[in-house]
């Protein structure tokens, strides 16, 4: 059985991040790879590679797609020098040929002539697991592929996640695509509502430990070759084909997986991580400022004096003039004025929060300005954005609203219910934007005035 250092990592980084807009928009019409999204002060792909590297993986092969996607990823991680690992990329000539994640992986295996066991991983999720037990289970079972699985309850699964059904040895017998609660109840025949609610349902975490040599052999069969002509995705095509044709595919539970593919899941994962529920993330965040409340504050911010009181943040925290926590991370050189309350939130670098503002369950990117008495709950605020607000004309942003980079929101605006504002737009006072609307340009702004 190989050690973790002998396992190669194959990263799926070629997605376009459509579901996560505007978090994946660098500018109107200019997509940022999901791998390049910021999470707790680091780009997602850096989090994933750092977590996997601490588990022992030393060689990585990244599947990129298109000029911008490839450029963004290379700027962030290069060839692995800053991580002490080796990184190689999929060749540009294959970009136009790809028909899915499994097809791209097969091309990568063939191009680099890879026959080692490999961990195929997404670059838009954060995982908390131990790789060594997964490797041990994989080799003990003789599986051609082992799928990392997150155990969830029926209410959480219904109509959102696919479910994997397995026998007592962990061998997958069936994939059920996004079942309803009624379908789950009918399948498992739970004797009571309580028993049904506690069913441990396994969902695909998107991390696959594969036997590269066997996968390459199977790829030569006519059925797989035919599938590759139209679409060959791991979760939708290759893994179900393997199970349906009698090849051993097993499941291995992991502690936790954080999906960052949309705004709601992004916030939930962020809050979960800030509460210390991802051991791998917790270790990499370093020593907290306030361990009891899971609060991290950079020394540069603790020493910053605000222009209102002239006091440092450390002094204001000590005197109770600012309330930080629980579950808060504040980056470097942030200026926090008196009366501010921040809980279950992440603030990146160079942010200014004016007096009496309240920030809850929110992500604030570099260089943003939050106005006096503003109220932010379950919000994502882009880099260099400005939430203007006044004590008697408060601005409120809540209920999974996402603002792209360099957005200006004027005093008195109320944004709620999954509204998304694309980069560099101005949201004037007096506007009323219906729930769930994407504000993509000036014409949309005028429409709702």
Protein backbone atom coordinates (compact mmCIF):
# COMPACT_ATOMS: atom_id res chain seq x y z
CA UNK A 1 0.00 0.00 0.00
CA UNK A 2 1.49 3.38 -1.00
CA UNK A 3 2.02 6.27 1.39
CA UNK A 4 0.15 9.56 0.90
CA UNK A 5 3.29 11.05 -0.66
CA UNK A 6 2.97 8.49 -3.49
CA UNK A 7 -0.60 9.59 -4.28
CA UNK A 8 -0.86 12.27 -6.96
CA UNK A 9 -3.42 15.06 -6.85
CA UNK A 10 -5.53 15.90 -9.92
CA UNK A 11 -7.33 19.20 -9.48
CA UNK A 12 -10.47 20.08 -11.46
CA UNK A 13 -10.06 23.82 -11.93
CA UNK A 14 -11.63 24.43 -15.31
CA UNK A 15 -15.16 25.46 -14.27
CA UNK A 16 -16.66 28.87 -15.03
CA UNK A 17 -18.37 29.54 -11.70
CA UNK A 18 -21.74 30.51 -13.17
CA UNK A 19 -23.75 29.51 -10.05
CA UNK A 20 -21.52 31.60 -7.80
CA UNK A 21 -21.92 34.91 -9.62
CA UNK A 22 -21.19 37.70 -8.74
CA UNK A 23 -18.52 36.16 -6.47
CA UNK A 24 -16.84 34.82 -9.59
CA UNK A 25 -17.05 38.08 -11.56
CA UNK A 26 -13.85 40.11 -11.60
CA UNK A 27 -15.66 42.70 -13.72
CA UNK A 28 -18.89 42.70 -15.75
CA UNK A 29 -18.48 39.94 -18.33
CA UNK A 30 -15.08 38.88 -16.98
CA UNK A 31 -15.28 35.59 -15.09
CA UNK A 32 -13.05 34.74 -12.19
CA UNK A 33 -12.40 31.03 -11.74
CA UNK A 34 -14.14 29.56 -8.68
CA UNK A 35 -10.67 28.39 -7.69
CA UNK A 36 -9.74 32.09 -7.43
CA UNK A 37 -12.58 33.00 -5.04
CA UNK A 38 -11.45 34.34 -1.68
CA UNK A 39 -12.27 32.34 1.45
CA UNK A 40 -11.06 33.40 4.91
CA UNK A 41 -8.28 35.50 3.44
CA UNK A 42 -6.93 32.97 0.93
CA UNK A 43 -7.88 31.89 -2.56
CA UNK A 44 -9.82 28.65 -2.59
CA UNK A 45 -7.25 26.72 -4.61
CA UNK A 46 -4.58 27.68 -2.10
CA UNK A 47 -6.72 26.36 0.75
CA UNK A 48 -7.30 23.05 -1.04
CA UNK A 49 -3.66 22.49 -1.97
CA UNK A 50 -2.46 23.46 1.50
CA UNK A 51 -4.92 21.05 3.12
CA UNK A 52 -3.98 18.19 0.77
CA UNK A 53 -0.28 18.95 1.14
CA UNK A 54 -0.54 18.65 4.93
CA UNK A 55 -2.06 15.20 4.24
CA UNK A 56 1.09 14.26 2.32
CA UNK A 57 0.37 14.84 -1.38
CA UNK A 58 3.44 16.30 -3.09
CA UNK A 59 2.66 16.14 -6.85
CA UNK A 60 -0.29 17.89 -8.49
CA UNK A 61 -1.72 17.98 -11.99
CA UNK A 62 -4.26 20.76 -12.53
CA UNK A 63 -6.91 20.74 -15.25
CA UNK A 64 -7.46 24.32 -16.40
CA UNK A 65 -9.61 25.57 -19.26
CA UNK A 66 -9.12 28.67 -21.37
CA UNK A 67 -6.70 31.55 -21.19
CA UNK A 68 -8.18 33.52 -18.27
CA UNK A 69 -8.84 30.45 -16.14
CA UNK A 70 -5.31 29.16 -16.72
CA UNK A 71 -3.73 32.60 -16.14
CA UNK A 72 -5.58 33.21 -12.87
CA UNK A 73 -4.60 29.82 -11.45
CA UNK A 74 -0.96 30.10 -12.48
CA UNK A 75 -0.70 33.55 -10.87
CA UNK A 76 -1.98 32.09 -7.59
CA UNK A 77 0.03 28.87 -7.33
CA UNK A 78 2.57 28.86 -10.17
CA UNK A 79 4.32 25.51 -10.35
CA UNK A 80 4.00 24.89 -6.62
CA UNK A 81 7.19 26.62 -5.49
CA UNK A 82 5.55 28.53 -2.61
CA UNK A 83 3.94 25.33 -1.30
CA UNK A 84 6.98 23.11 -1.56
CA UNK A 85 5.17 20.85 -4.03
CA UNK A 86 5.27 20.13 -7.76
CA UNK A 87 2.45 21.40 -10.00
CA UNK A 88 1.87 20.65 -13.68
CA UNK A 89 -1.03 21.70 -15.92
CA UNK A 90 -3.24 20.20 -18.58
CA UNK A 91 -2.06 21.14 -22.08
CA UNK A 92 -3.87 23.99 -23.83
CA UNK A 93 -4.48 21.86 -26.92
CA UNK A 94 -7.00 19.72 -24.99
CA UNK A 95 -9.21 22.60 -23.80
CA UNK A 96 -11.55 22.51 -26.79
CA UNK A 97 -11.80 18.70 -26.72
CA UNK A 98 -12.97 18.24 -23.15
CA UNK A 99 -16.45 16.77 -22.63
CA UNK A 100 -16.42 16.67 -18.83
CA UNK A 101 -14.39 16.21 -15.66
CA UNK A 102 -13.71 12.49 -16.23
CA UNK A 103 -12.84 13.02 -19.89
CA UNK A 104 -10.37 15.78 -18.95
CA UNK A 105 -8.87 13.57 -16.24
CA UNK A 106 -8.37 10.72 -18.69
CA UNK A 107 -6.61 13.06 -21.10
CA UNK A 108 -4.39 14.23 -18.26
CA UNK A 109 -3.53 10.65 -17.27
CA UNK A 110 -2.71 9.78 -20.86
CA UNK A 111 -0.73 12.95 -21.60
CA UNK A 112 1.53 12.66 -18.54
CA UNK A 113 1.46 8.83 -18.65
CA UNK A 114 0.22 8.63 -15.05
CA UNK A 115 -0.39 5.18 -13.56
CA UNK A 116 -0.17 5.98 -9.84
CA UNK A 117 -3.19 6.15 -7.62
CA UNK A 118 -4.65 9.64 -7.71
CA UNK A 119 -6.92 11.83 -5.61
CA UNK A 120 -9.15 13.75 -8.00
CA UNK A 121 -10.41 16.87 -6.25
CA UNK A 122 -12.53 19.98 -6.95
CA UNK A 123 -11.04 23.41 -6.39
CA UNK A 124 -14.28 25.05 -5.21
CA UNK A 125 -14.78 23.02 -2.01
CA UNK A 126 -13.06 22.80 1.36
CA UNK A 127 -12.63 19.32 2.83
CA UNK A 128 -11.82 18.16 6.35
CA UNK A 129 -10.54 14.60 6.37
CA UNK A 130 -7.59 12.29 6.98
CA UNK A 131 -6.17 10.89 3.74
CA UNK A 132 -4.28 7.92 5.23
CA UNK A 133 -7.42 6.03 6.40
CA UNK A 134 -9.04 6.64 3.00
CA UNK A 135 -5.99 5.15 1.24
CA UNK A 136 -6.03 2.16 3.60
CA UNK A 137 -9.74 1.53 3.02
CA UNK A 138 -9.31 1.94 -0.74
CA UNK A 139 -6.60 -0.72 -0.99
CA UNK A 140 -8.29 -3.08 1.45
CA UNK A 141 -11.46 -3.05 -0.67
CA UNK A 142 -9.72 -3.42 -4.02
CA UNK A 143 -11.89 -0.61 -5.39
CA UNK A 144 -11.23 0.96 -8.75
CA UNK A 145 -12.48 4.20 -7.19
CA UNK A 146 -13.31 5.33 -3.65
CA UNK A 147 -15.59 8.33 -3.20
CA UNK A 148 -15.26 10.68 -0.24
CA UNK A 149 -18.73 11.06 1.25
CA UNK A 150 -20.39 13.52 3.57
CA UNK A 151 -23.12 12.09 5.80
CA UNK A 152 -26.25 14.24 5.88
CA UNK A 153 -29.84 14.09 7.17
CA UNK A 154 -32.85 13.70 4.82
CA UNK A 155 -34.08 17.29 5.22
CA UNK A 156 -30.66 18.54 4.16
CA UNK A 157 -30.39 16.15 1.21
CA UNK A 158 -33.84 16.36 -0.37
CA UNK A 159 -33.83 17.83 -3.89
CA UNK A 160 -30.32 19.25 -3.37
CA UNK A 161 -27.83 16.37 -3.25
CA UNK A 162 -27.47 13.02 -4.95
CA UNK A 163 -27.37 10.04 -2.60
CA UNK A 164 -25.10 6.99 -2.77
CA UNK A 165 -26.49 3.66 -1.56
CA UNK A 166 -23.92 1.11 -0.36
CA UNK A 167 -23.80 -2.36 1.16
CA UNK A 168 -22.35 -3.22 4.58
CA UNK A 169 -18.80 -3.30 3.15
CA UNK A 170 -19.15 0.21 1.72
CA UNK A 171 -19.47 -0.91 -1.90
CA UNK A 172 -21.82 1.40 -3.79
CA UNK A 173 -24.85 -0.31 -5.27
CA UNK A 174 -26.78 2.65 -6.62
CA UNK A 175 -26.72 6.41 -7.21
CA UNK A 176 -29.96 8.32 -6.59
CA UNK A 177 -29.96 11.79 -8.16
CA UNK A 178 -31.41 14.52 -5.88
CA UNK A 179 -34.32 12.53 -4.42
CA UNK A 180 -37.37 14.17 -2.86
CA UNK A 181 -38.28 13.53 0.77
CA UNK A 182 -41.10 11.27 -0.40
CA UNK A 183 -38.70 9.21 -2.52
CA UNK A 184 -36.27 8.87 0.37
CA UNK A 185 -39.05 7.81 2.74
CA UNK A 186 -40.33 5.23 0.26
CA UNK A 187 -36.87 3.80 -0.38
CA UNK A 188 -35.72 3.44 3.24
CA UNK A 189 -39.12 2.51 4.72
CA UNK A 190 -38.33 4.09 8.07
CA UNK A 191 -40.73 2.95 10.79
CA UNK A 192 -41.07 6.39 12.40
CA UNK A 193 -40.51 10.04 11.60
CA UNK A 194 -37.73 10.14 14.20
CA UNK A 195 -35.95 7.17 12.61
CA UNK A 196 -36.34 8.75 9.17
CA UNK A 197 -34.90 12.10 10.28
CA UNK A 198 -31.81 10.33 11.64
CA UNK A 199 -31.02 8.32 8.53
CA UNK A 200 -27.33 8.73 7.65
CA UNK A 201 -27.46 9.54 3.94
CA UNK A 202 -24.17 9.62 2.05
CA UNK A 203 -23.63 12.39 -0.49
CA UNK A 204 -20.81 12.70 -2.98
CA UNK A 205 -18.15 15.15 -1.73
CA UNK A 206 -16.49 15.33 -5.16
CA UNK A 207 -13.13 13.88 -4.01
CA UNK A 208 -12.24 10.57 -5.70
CA UNK A 209 -9.33 8.22 -4.95
CA UNK A 210 -8.82 6.32 -8.21
CA UNK A 211 -6.64 3.52 -9.53
CA UNK A 212 -5.26 5.39 -12.54
CA UNK A 213 -3.91 2.31 -14.31
CA UNK A 214 -7.24 0.43 -14.13
CA UNK A 215 -9.22 3.53 -15.10
CA UNK A 216 -7.00 3.97 -18.16
CA UNK A 217 -7.56 0.36 -19.17
CA UNK A 218 -11.33 0.72 -18.85
CA UNK A 219 -11.26 3.94 -20.85
CA UNK A 220 -10.38 1.91 -23.91
CA UNK A 221 -13.72 0.08 -23.98
CA UNK A 222 -16.27 0.99 -26.65
CA UNK A 223 -18.96 2.22 -24.22
CA UNK A 224 -16.64 4.68 -22.45
CA UNK A 225 -15.24 5.80 -25.78
CA UNK A 226 -18.78 6.51 -26.98
CA UNK A 227 -19.67 8.44 -23.82
CA UNK A 228 -16.57 10.60 -24.20
CA UNK A 229 -17.85 11.90 -27.51
CA UNK A 230 -20.72 13.74 -25.82
CA UNK A 231 -20.12 13.92 -22.05
CA UNK A 232 -18.01 12.06 -19.51
CA UNK A 233 -18.39 13.58 -16.07
CA UNK A 234 -17.26 11.75 -12.92
CA UNK A 235 -20.42 12.01 -10.83
CA UNK A 236 -22.97 11.83 -13.64
CA UNK A 237 -21.34 9.36 -16.02
CA UNK A 238 -18.13 7.48 -15.22
CA UNK A 239 -18.81 6.43 -11.62
CA UNK A 240 -22.43 5.30 -12.32
CA UNK A 241 -21.12 3.40 -15.37
CA UNK A 242 -18.53 1.62 -13.23
CA UNK A 243 -21.14 0.64 -10.62
CA UNK A 244 -23.65 -0.42 -13.28
CA UNK A 245 -21.06 -2.65 -14.94
CA UNK A 246 -20.01 -4.42 -11.77
CA UNK A 247 -16.73 -2.66 -11.03
CA UNK A 248 -16.04 -2.05 -7.33
CA UNK A 249 -16.64 1.56 -6.35
CA UNK A 250 -16.57 2.20 -2.61
CA UNK A 251 -17.50 5.05 -0.32
CA UNK A 252 -15.43 6.53 2.50
CA UNK A 253 -16.96 9.01 5.00
CA UNK A 254 -15.11 12.26 5.72
CA UNK A 255 -15.56 14.62 8.64
CA UNK A 256 -16.90 17.56 6.70
CA UNK A 257 -17.13 19.09 3.24
CA UNK A 258 -17.85 22.72 2.53
CA UNK A 259 -19.52 23.57 -0.77
CA UNK A 260 -18.79 27.11 -1.94
CA UNK A 261 -20.61 26.97 -5.26
CA UNK A 262 -23.32 29.50 -4.40
CA UNK A 263 -23.79 32.40 -1.99
CA UNK A 264 -25.88 30.57 0.62
CA UNK A 265 -23.52 27.59 0.81
CA UNK A 266 -20.52 29.91 0.84
CA UNK A 267 -21.82 31.71 3.94
CA UNK A 268 -22.76 28.47 5.70
CA UNK A 269 -19.32 26.98 5.08
CA UNK A 270 -17.56 30.17 6.20
CA UNK A 271 -19.50 30.31 9.48
CA UNK A 272 -18.94 26.59 10.04
CA UNK A 273 -15.19 27.00 9.54
CA UNK A 274 -14.99 30.06 11.81
CA UNK A 275 -16.62 28.05 14.59
CA UNK A 276 -13.78 25.53 14.34
CA UNK A 277 -15.76 22.75 12.70
CA UNK A 278 -13.13 22.16 9.99
CA UNK A 279 -10.03 20.84 11.76
CA UNK A 280 -7.89 21.26 8.65
CA UNK A 281 -8.90 24.92 8.23
CA UNK A 282 -8.53 25.60 11.94
CA UNK A 283 -4.92 24.42 11.91
CA UNK A 284 -4.01 26.61 8.95
CA UNK A 285 -5.65 29.73 10.42
CA UNK A 286 -3.07 29.72 13.20
CA UNK A 287 -3.40 30.80 16.85
CA UNK A 288 -6.56 32.83 17.56
CA UNK A 289 -6.67 36.19 19.34
CA UNK A 290 -9.54 34.91 21.52
CA UNK A 291 -9.54 31.08 21.58
CA UNK A 292 -12.72 30.77 23.65
CA UNK A 293 -14.75 32.66 21.06
CA UNK A 294 -12.86 31.58 17.92
CA UNK A 295 -11.71 35.11 17.08
CA UNK A 296 -8.71 35.85 14.88
CA UNK A 297 -7.53 39.47 14.59
CA UNK A 298 -4.31 40.39 12.80
CA UNK A 299 -1.85 42.36 14.97
CA UNK A 300 -1.84 45.18 12.40
CA UNK A 301 -5.59 45.67 12.93
CA UNK A 302 -5.33 45.48 16.71
CA UNK A 303 -2.86 48.39 16.54
CA UNK A 304 -4.95 50.50 14.11
CA UNK A 305 -6.46 53.72 15.50
CA UNK A 306 -9.76 54.90 14.10
CA UNK A 307 -10.34 58.51 13.06
CA UNK A 308 -13.36 58.89 15.37
CA UNK A 309 -11.88 58.07 18.79
CA UNK A 310 -8.15 57.82 18.11
CA UNK A 311 -8.10 54.56 20.08
CA UNK A 312 -6.58 51.29 18.90
CA UNK A 313 -8.85 48.33 18.23
CA UNK A 314 -7.21 46.46 21.11
CA UNK A 315 -8.14 49.30 23.48
CA UNK A 316 -11.73 49.43 22.23
CA UNK A 317 -12.15 45.67 22.62
CA UNK A 318 -10.73 45.82 26.16
CA UNK A 319 -13.14 48.64 27.12
CA UNK A 320 -16.16 47.03 25.47
CA UNK A 321 -16.54 49.80 22.89
CA UNK A 322 -16.32 47.23 20.08
CA UNK A 323 -17.78 43.71 20.24
CA UNK A 324 -15.97 41.08 18.21
CA UNK A 325 -17.15 37.46 18.21
CA UNK A 326 -17.98 34.73 18.32
CA UNK A 327 -16.42 33.21 15.19
CA UNK A 328 -14.74 36.22 13.57
CA UNK A 329 -11.62 36.65 11.49
CA UNK A 330 -10.25 40.16 10.82
CA UNK A 331 -7.33 40.60 8.45
CA UNK A 332 -4.63 43.27 8.39
CA UNK A 333 -4.92 47.06 8.66
CA UNK A 334 -8.68 47.18 9.27
CA UNK A 335 -10.00 50.37 10.89
CA UNK A 336 -12.89 49.60 13.24
CA UNK A 337 -14.75 52.55 14.79
CA UNK A 338 -16.53 52.60 18.20
CA UNK A 339 -19.90 50.91 18.61
CA UNK A 340 -19.23 48.28 15.94
CA UNK A 341 -20.48 44.71 16.48
CA UNK A 342 -19.11 41.84 14.39
CA UNK A 343 -20.09 38.17 14.76
CA UNK A 344 -19.69 35.01 12.65
CA UNK A 345 -18.00 37.00 9.90
CA UNK A 346 -14.79 37.35 7.95
CA UNK A 347 -13.19 40.69 7.14
CA UNK A 348 -10.20 40.64 4.82
CA UNK A 349 -7.53 43.38 4.70
CA UNK A 350 -7.72 47.21 4.60
CA UNK A 351 -11.42 47.44 5.50
CA UNK A 352 -13.01 50.37 7.32
CA UNK A 353 -16.13 49.85 9.44
CA UNK A 354 -17.71 53.09 10.70
CA UNK A 355 -19.31 53.55 14.07
CA UNK A 356 -22.32 51.56 15.23
CA UNK A 357 -22.33 49.26 12.19
CA UNK A 358 -23.44 45.66 12.78
CA UNK A 359 -22.00 42.81 10.72
CA UNK A 360 -23.33 39.26 11.18
CA UNK A 361 -22.65 36.11 9.16
CA UNK A 362 -21.02 38.11 6.38
CA UNK A 363 -17.93 38.10 4.19
CA UNK A 364 -16.29 41.49 3.53
CA UNK A 365 -13.53 41.59 0.92
CA UNK A 366 -10.36 43.71 0.78
CA UNK A 367 -10.71 47.48 0.80
CA UNK A 368 -14.46 47.65 1.42
CA UNK A 369 -16.01 50.49 3.44
CA UNK A 370 -19.02 49.89 5.68
CA UNK A 371 -20.87 53.07 6.63
CA UNK A 372 -22.14 54.26 9.99
CA UNK A 373 -25.02 52.25 11.49
CA UNK A 374 -25.18 49.90 8.47
CA UNK A 375 -26.72 46.46 9.11
CA UNK A 376 -25.28 43.47 7.25
CA UNK A 377 -26.54 39.92 7.82
CA UNK A 378 -25.82 36.92 5.58
CA UNK A 379 -24.13 39.13 3.01
CA UNK A 380 -21.09 38.93 0.78
CA UNK A 381 -19.48 42.29 -0.03
CA UNK A 382 -16.95 42.50 -2.84
CA UNK A 383 -13.52 44.07 -2.84
CA UNK A 384 -13.42 47.90 -2.85
CA UNK A 385 -17.20 48.10 -2.45
CA UNK A 386 -18.80 50.80 -0.34
CA UNK A 387 -21.93 50.47 1.79
CA UNK A 388 -22.84 54.07 2.50
CA UNK A 389 -25.06 54.56 5.51
CA UNK A 390 -26.07 57.22 8.01
CA UNK A 391 -27.32 56.92 11.61
CA UNK A 392 -30.79 58.21 10.65
CA UNK A 393 -30.78 56.73 7.14
CA UNK A 394 -29.52 53.21 7.63
CA UNK A 395 -28.54 50.86 4.83
CA UNK A 396 -29.55 47.23 5.38
CA UNK A 397 -28.18 44.25 3.43
CA UNK A 398 -29.45 40.81 4.47
CA UNK A 399 -30.68 37.33 3.53
CA UNK A 400 -27.95 36.09 1.18
CA UNK A 401 -27.29 39.24 -0.82
CA UNK A 402 -24.06 39.30 -2.81
CA UNK A 403 -22.35 42.46 -4.03
CA UNK A 404 -19.62 42.26 -6.65
CA UNK A 405 -16.37 44.20 -6.54
CA UNK A 406 -16.45 48.02 -6.52
CA UNK A 407 -20.21 48.32 -5.94
CA UNK A 408 -21.51 51.49 -4.27
CA UNK A 409 -24.72 51.24 -2.23
CA UNK A 410 -26.17 54.61 -1.18
CA UNK A 411 -27.70 55.47 2.24
CA UNK A 412 -31.14 54.11 3.06
CA UNK A 413 -31.06 51.23 0.55
CA UNK A 414 -32.61 47.92 1.61
CA UNK A 415 -31.33 44.81 -0.17
CA UNK A 416 -32.58 41.34 0.76
CA UNK A 417 -33.58 37.87 -0.38
CA UNK A 418 -30.76 36.62 -2.63
CA UNK A 419 -30.30 39.76 -4.68
CA UNK A 420 -27.00 39.78 -6.61
CA UNK A 421 -25.36 43.02 -7.75
CA UNK A 422 -22.70 42.76 -10.44
CA UNK A 423 -19.36 44.62 -10.17
CA UNK A 424 -18.99 48.40 -10.44
CA UNK A 425 -22.69 49.25 -10.23
CA UNK A 426 -24.21 52.04 -8.13
CA UNK A 427 -27.37 51.28 -6.17
CA UNK A 428 -29.12 54.62 -5.47
CA UNK A 429 -31.38 55.56 -2.58
CA UNK A 430 -35.07 54.86 -3.17
CA UNK A 431 -34.53 51.71 -5.22
CA UNK A 432 -36.64 48.57 -4.67
CA UNK A 433 -35.13 45.36 -6.04
CA UNK A 434 -37.35 42.25 -5.94
CA UNK A 435 -36.08 39.03 -4.30
CA UNK A 436 -33.78 36.78 -6.30
CA UNK A 437 -32.94 39.37 -8.97
CA UNK A 438 -29.50 39.66 -10.57
CA UNK A 439 -28.69 43.33 -11.16
CA UNK A 440 -26.29 43.01 -14.08
CA UNK A 441 -26.02 46.55 -15.47
CA UNK A 442 -27.22 50.17 -15.31
CA UNK A 443 -30.43 49.28 -17.18
CA UNK A 444 -31.45 46.95 -14.37
CA UNK A 445 -30.78 49.69 -11.82
CA UNK A 446 -33.06 52.10 -13.71
CA UNK A 447 -35.76 49.44 -14.02
CA UNK A 448 -36.20 49.18 -10.24
CA UNK A 449 -35.96 52.86 -9.33
